[in-house]
C-alpha atoms as a PDB file:
ATOM      1  CA  MET A   1       0.000   0.000   0.000  1.00  0.00           C
ATOM      2  CA  LEU A   2       1.395   3.377  -0.992  1.00  0.00           C
ATOM      3  CA  LEU A   3       0.097   6.529   0.672  1.00  0.00           C
ATOM      4  CA  LYS A   4       0.767  10.037  -0.553  1.00  0.00           C
ATOM      5  CA  ALA A   5       3.064  12.179   1.589  1.00  0.00           C
ATOM      6  CA  GLN A   6       1.235  13.791   4.458  1.00  0.00           C
ATOM      7  CA  GLY A   7       1.549  17.181   6.091  1.00  0.00           C
ATOM      8  CA  PRO A   8      -0.578  20.232   6.803  1.00  0.00           C
ATOM      9  CA  THR A   9      -2.966  21.544   4.151  1.00  0.00           C
ATOM     10  CA  ASN A  10      -1.117  22.710   0.993  1.00  0.00           C
ATOM     11  CA  TYR A  11       2.281  21.526   2.317  1.00  0.00           C
ATOM     12  CA  THR A  12       4.157  18.751   0.542  1.00  0.00           C
ATOM     13  CA  SER A  13       6.989  16.409   1.380  1.00  0.00           C
ATOM     14  CA  PRO A  14       9.432  16.243  -1.529  1.00  0.00           C
ATOM     15  CA  ARG A  15      11.841  14.021   0.420  1.00  0.00           C
ATOM     16  CA  CYS A  16      11.667  11.633   3.355  1.00  0.00           C
ATOM     17  CA  GLU A  17      14.273   9.087   4.418  1.00  0.00           C
ATOM     18  CA  ILE A  18      13.241   6.442   6.941  1.00  0.00           C
ATOM     19  CA  ASP A  19      15.278   3.716   8.646  1.00  0.00           C
ATOM     20  CA  LEU A  20      12.317   2.133  10.475  1.00  0.00           C
ATOM     21  CA  ARG A  21      14.006   0.089  13.194  1.00  0.00           C
ATOM     22  CA  GLU A  22      14.785   0.757  16.832  1.00  0.00           C
ATOM     23  CA  GLY A  23      17.762   3.131  16.800  1.00  0.00           C
ATOM     24  CA  GLY A  24      17.063   4.030  13.152  1.00  0.00           C
ATOM     25  CA  LYS A  25      16.718   7.626  12.041  1.00  0.00           C
ATOM     26  CA  TYR A  26      14.379   9.550   9.776  1.00  0.00           C
ATOM     27  CA  VAL A  27      14.785  12.883   7.981  1.00  0.00           C
ATOM     28  CA  PHE A  28      11.619  14.569   6.739  1.00  0.00           C
ATOM     29  CA  CYS A  29      11.448  17.534   4.379  1.00  0.00           C
ATOM     30  CA  MET A  30       8.343  19.714   4.394  1.00  0.00           C
ATOM     31  CA  ARG A  31       7.801  22.328   1.673  1.00  0.00           C
ATOM     32  CA  ALA A  32       5.515  25.289   2.299  1.00  0.00           C
ATOM     33  CA  PRO A  33       3.117  26.297  -0.461  1.00  0.00           C
ATOM     34  CA  ASP A  34       4.229  29.120  -2.762  1.00  0.00           C
ATOM     35  CA  THR A  35       1.721  31.410  -1.014  1.00  0.00           C
ATOM     36  CA  HIS A  36       3.813  30.935   2.170  1.00  0.00           C
ATOM     37  CA  GLY A  37       7.200  31.383   0.462  1.00  0.00           C
ATOM     38  CA  GLY A  38       7.775  27.793  -0.738  1.00  0.00           C
ATOM     39  CA  MET A  39      10.490  27.310   1.890  1.00  0.00           C
ATOM     40  CA  GLU A  40      11.689  23.820   2.768  1.00  0.00           C
ATOM     41  CA  SER A  41      12.227  22.863   6.393  1.00  0.00           C
ATOM     42  CA  TYR A  42      13.545  19.649   7.857  1.00  0.00           C
ATOM     43  CA  SER A  43      12.910  17.580  10.917  1.00  0.00           C
ATOM     44  CA  ALA A  44      14.593  14.388  12.023  1.00  0.00           C
ATOM     45  CA  GLY A  45      14.414  11.916  14.844  1.00  0.00           C
ATOM     46  CA  VAL A  46      15.261   8.464  16.109  1.00  0.00           C
ATOM     47  CA  TYR A  47      12.927   5.488  16.534  1.00  0.00           C
ATOM     48  CA  LYS A  48      13.191   4.407  20.157  1.00  0.00           C
ATOM     49  CA  ARG A  49      10.650   1.611  20.433  1.00  0.00           C
ATOM     50  CA  ILE A  50       8.718  -0.300  17.798  1.00  0.00           C
ATOM     51  CA  VAL A  51       6.071  -2.890  18.610  1.00  0.00           C
ATOM     52  CA  PRO A  52       4.627  -3.979  15.237  1.00  0.00           C
ATOM     53  CA  THR A  53       0.888  -3.233  14.843  1.00  0.00           C
ATOM     54  CA  GLU A  54       0.798  -1.760  18.387  1.00  0.00           C
ATOM     55  CA  ARG A  55       3.184   1.084  19.180  1.00  0.00           C
ATOM     56  CA  LEU A  56       5.788   3.449  17.746  1.00  0.00           C
ATOM     57  CA  GLU A  57       7.934   5.729  19.923  1.00  0.00           C
ATOM     58  CA  PHE A  58      10.327   8.314  18.494  1.00  0.00           C
ATOM     59  CA  ASN A  59      11.541  11.851  18.918  1.00  0.00           C
ATOM     60  CA  SER A  60      11.518  14.789  16.540  1.00  0.00           C
ATOM     61  CA  TYR A  61      13.662  17.907  16.260  1.00  0.00           C
ATOM     62  CA  LEU A  62      14.352  20.596  13.696  1.00  0.00           C
ATOM     63  CA  SER A  63      17.297  19.647  11.524  1.00  0.00           C
ATOM     64  CA  ASP A  64      19.323  20.497   8.473  1.00  0.00           C
ATOM     65  CA  ARG A  65      18.840  18.423   5.296  1.00  0.00           C
ATOM     66  CA  GLU A  66      21.282  15.778   6.590  1.00  0.00           C
ATOM     67  CA  GLY A  67      19.338  15.322   9.838  1.00  0.00           C
ATOM     68  CA  ASN A  68      21.691  17.204  12.162  1.00  0.00           C
ATOM     69  CA  ALA A  69      19.815  18.954  14.979  1.00  0.00           C
ATOM     70  CA  ILE A  70      19.541  22.729  14.793  1.00  0.00           C
ATOM     71  CA  ASP A  71      18.452  25.220  17.444  1.00  0.00           C
ATOM     72  CA  PRO A  72      14.946  26.457  16.547  1.00  0.00           C
ATOM     73  CA  VAL A  73      15.696  29.997  17.765  1.00  0.00           C
ATOM     74  CA  GLN A  74      18.806  30.253  15.550  1.00  0.00           C
ATOM     75  CA  VAL A  75      16.671  29.670  12.444  1.00  0.00           C
ATOM     76  CA  GLY A  76      14.036  32.208  13.403  1.00  0.00           C
ATOM     77  CA  VAL A  77      11.437  29.912  14.947  1.00  0.00           C
ATOM     78  CA  PRO A  78       9.600  31.383  17.959  1.00  0.00           C
ATOM     79  CA  SER A  79      11.192  30.634  21.326  1.00  0.00           C
ATOM     80  CA  ASP A  80       8.284  28.412  22.446  1.00  0.00           C
ATOM     81  CA  PHE A  81       9.190  25.822  19.790  1.00  0.00           C
ATOM     82  CA  PRO A  82      10.822  22.886  21.646  1.00  0.00           C
ATOM     83  CA  ARG A  83      14.278  21.560  20.759  1.00  0.00           C
ATOM     84  CA  ASN A  84      12.936  18.004  21.138  1.00  0.00           C
ATOM     85  CA  ILE A  85       9.466  16.499  20.919  1.00  0.00           C
ATOM     86  CA  GLU A  86       8.729  12.948  22.025  1.00  0.00           C
ATOM     87  CA  PHE A  87       6.018  10.989  20.197  1.00  0.00           C
ATOM     88  CA  VAL A  88       4.086   7.884  21.150  1.00  0.00           C
ATOM     89  CA  ILE A  89       1.796   6.484  18.468  1.00  0.00           C
ATOM     90  CA  GLU A  90      -0.515   3.679  19.479  1.00  0.00           C
ATOM     91  CA  PHE A  91      -2.550   1.439  17.182  1.00  0.00           C
ATOM     92  CA  ILE A  92      -5.505   0.163  19.209  1.00  0.00           C
ATOM     93  CA  ALA A  93      -7.559  -2.700  17.772  1.00  0.00           C
ATOM     94  CA  LYS A  94     -11.293  -1.971  17.820  1.00  0.00           C
ATOM     95  CA  GLY A  95     -12.886  -4.950  16.069  1.00  0.00           C
ATOM     96  CA  GLU A  96     -12.342  -4.508  12.333  1.00  0.00           C
ATOM     97  CA  ARG A  97     -11.087  -0.960  12.867  1.00  0.00           C
ATOM     98  CA  THR A  98      -7.931   0.469  14.395  1.00  0.00           C
ATOM     99  CA  GLU A  99      -7.882   3.542  16.580  1.00  0.00           C
ATOM    100  CA  LEU A 100      -4.838   5.765  16.111  1.00  0.00           C
ATOM    101  CA  LYS A 101      -3.705   7.577  19.271  1.00  0.00           C
ATOM    102  CA  ILE A 102      -0.899  10.137  18.939  1.00  0.00           C
ATOM    103  CA  THR A 103       0.671  11.692  22.020  1.00  0.00           C
ATOM    104  CA  GLU A 104       3.347  14.395  21.836  1.00  0.00           C
ATOM    105  CA  TYR A 105       5.495  15.508  24.768  1.00  0.00           C
ATOM    106  CA  GLY A 106       7.646  18.630  24.995  1.00  0.00           C
ATOM    107  CA  TRP A 107       5.342  21.455  23.958  1.00  0.00           C
ATOM    108  CA  SER A 108       4.728  24.411  26.242  1.00  0.00           C
ATOM    109  CA  ALA A 109       1.367  26.152  26.076  1.00  0.00           C
ATOM    110  CA  GLY A 110       1.538  28.861  23.420  1.00  0.00           C
ATOM    111  CA  GLU A 111       1.116  29.691  19.739  1.00  0.00           C
ATOM    112  CA  MET A 112       3.558  27.036  18.506  1.00  0.00           C
ATOM    113  CA  MET A 113       1.626  24.304  20.336  1.00  0.00           C
ATOM    114  CA  LYS A 114      -1.617  25.575  18.777  1.00  0.00           C
ATOM    115  CA  ASN A 115       0.024  25.513  15.330  1.00  0.00           C
ATOM    116  CA  ALA A 116       1.329  21.985  15.970  1.00  0.00           C
ATOM    117  CA  ILE A 117      -2.173  20.768  16.867  1.00  0.00           C
ATOM    118  CA  LEU A 118      -3.624  22.447  13.773  1.00  0.00           C
ATOM    119  CA  GLY A 119      -0.924  20.930  11.551  1.00  0.00           C
ATOM    120  CA  MET A 120      -1.415  17.448  13.027  1.00  0.00           C
ATOM    121  CA  ASN A 121      -5.181  17.663  12.532  1.00  0.00           C
ATOM    122  CA  GLN A 122      -4.708  18.752   8.902  1.00  0.00           C
ATOM    123  CA  SER A 123      -2.201  15.930   8.356  1.00  0.00           C
ATOM    124  CA  LEU A 124      -4.627  13.377   9.791  1.00  0.00           C
ATOM    125  CA  ASP A 125      -7.414  14.732   7.565  1.00  0.00           C
ATOM    126  CA  LYS A 126      -5.169  14.195   4.505  1.00  0.00           C
ATOM    127  CA  PHE A 127      -4.251  10.719   5.773  1.00  0.00           C
ATOM    128  CA  ALA A 128      -7.938   9.798   6.180  1.00  0.00           C
ATOM    129  CA  ALA A 129      -8.708  11.067   2.657  1.00  0.00           C
ATOM    130  CA  ASN A 130      -5.890   8.873   1.306  1.00  0.00           C
ATOM    131  CA  LEU A 131      -7.267   5.833   3.103  1.00  0.00           C
ATOM    132  CA  ASN A 132     -10.710   6.487   1.660  1.00  0.00           C
ATOM    133  CA  GLU A 133      -9.194   6.487  -1.852  1.00  0.00           C
ATOM    134  CA  LEU A 134      -7.737   2.985  -1.397  1.00  0.00           C
END
């Protein structure tokens, strides 16, 4: 099954490298729409725990295109953007359906957290639309 790259509304992912194993790394490129400058930004992280069909734990941080961590403030991101975000994704069997539960740790209350929630919701909407096309 091949799903289109996800991301917030009108954002694309022209490049994503994934080494999906415990200790493996990913580097994700997100491109803003032309109406928002068309800039590319990168995030990376390491998979910490993988339980097939049940759980995925990893971290995420802003990075350069090679996946090296960068300080959000040094690249002009507001100071309430965390240097590291921890993710836990759970796949919960519900009969013939699977519930997806995503928990993020590391955000402080503020505008960046609100934007992160908005972006995640838009990404999940795109993901659901892709699933409906299959």
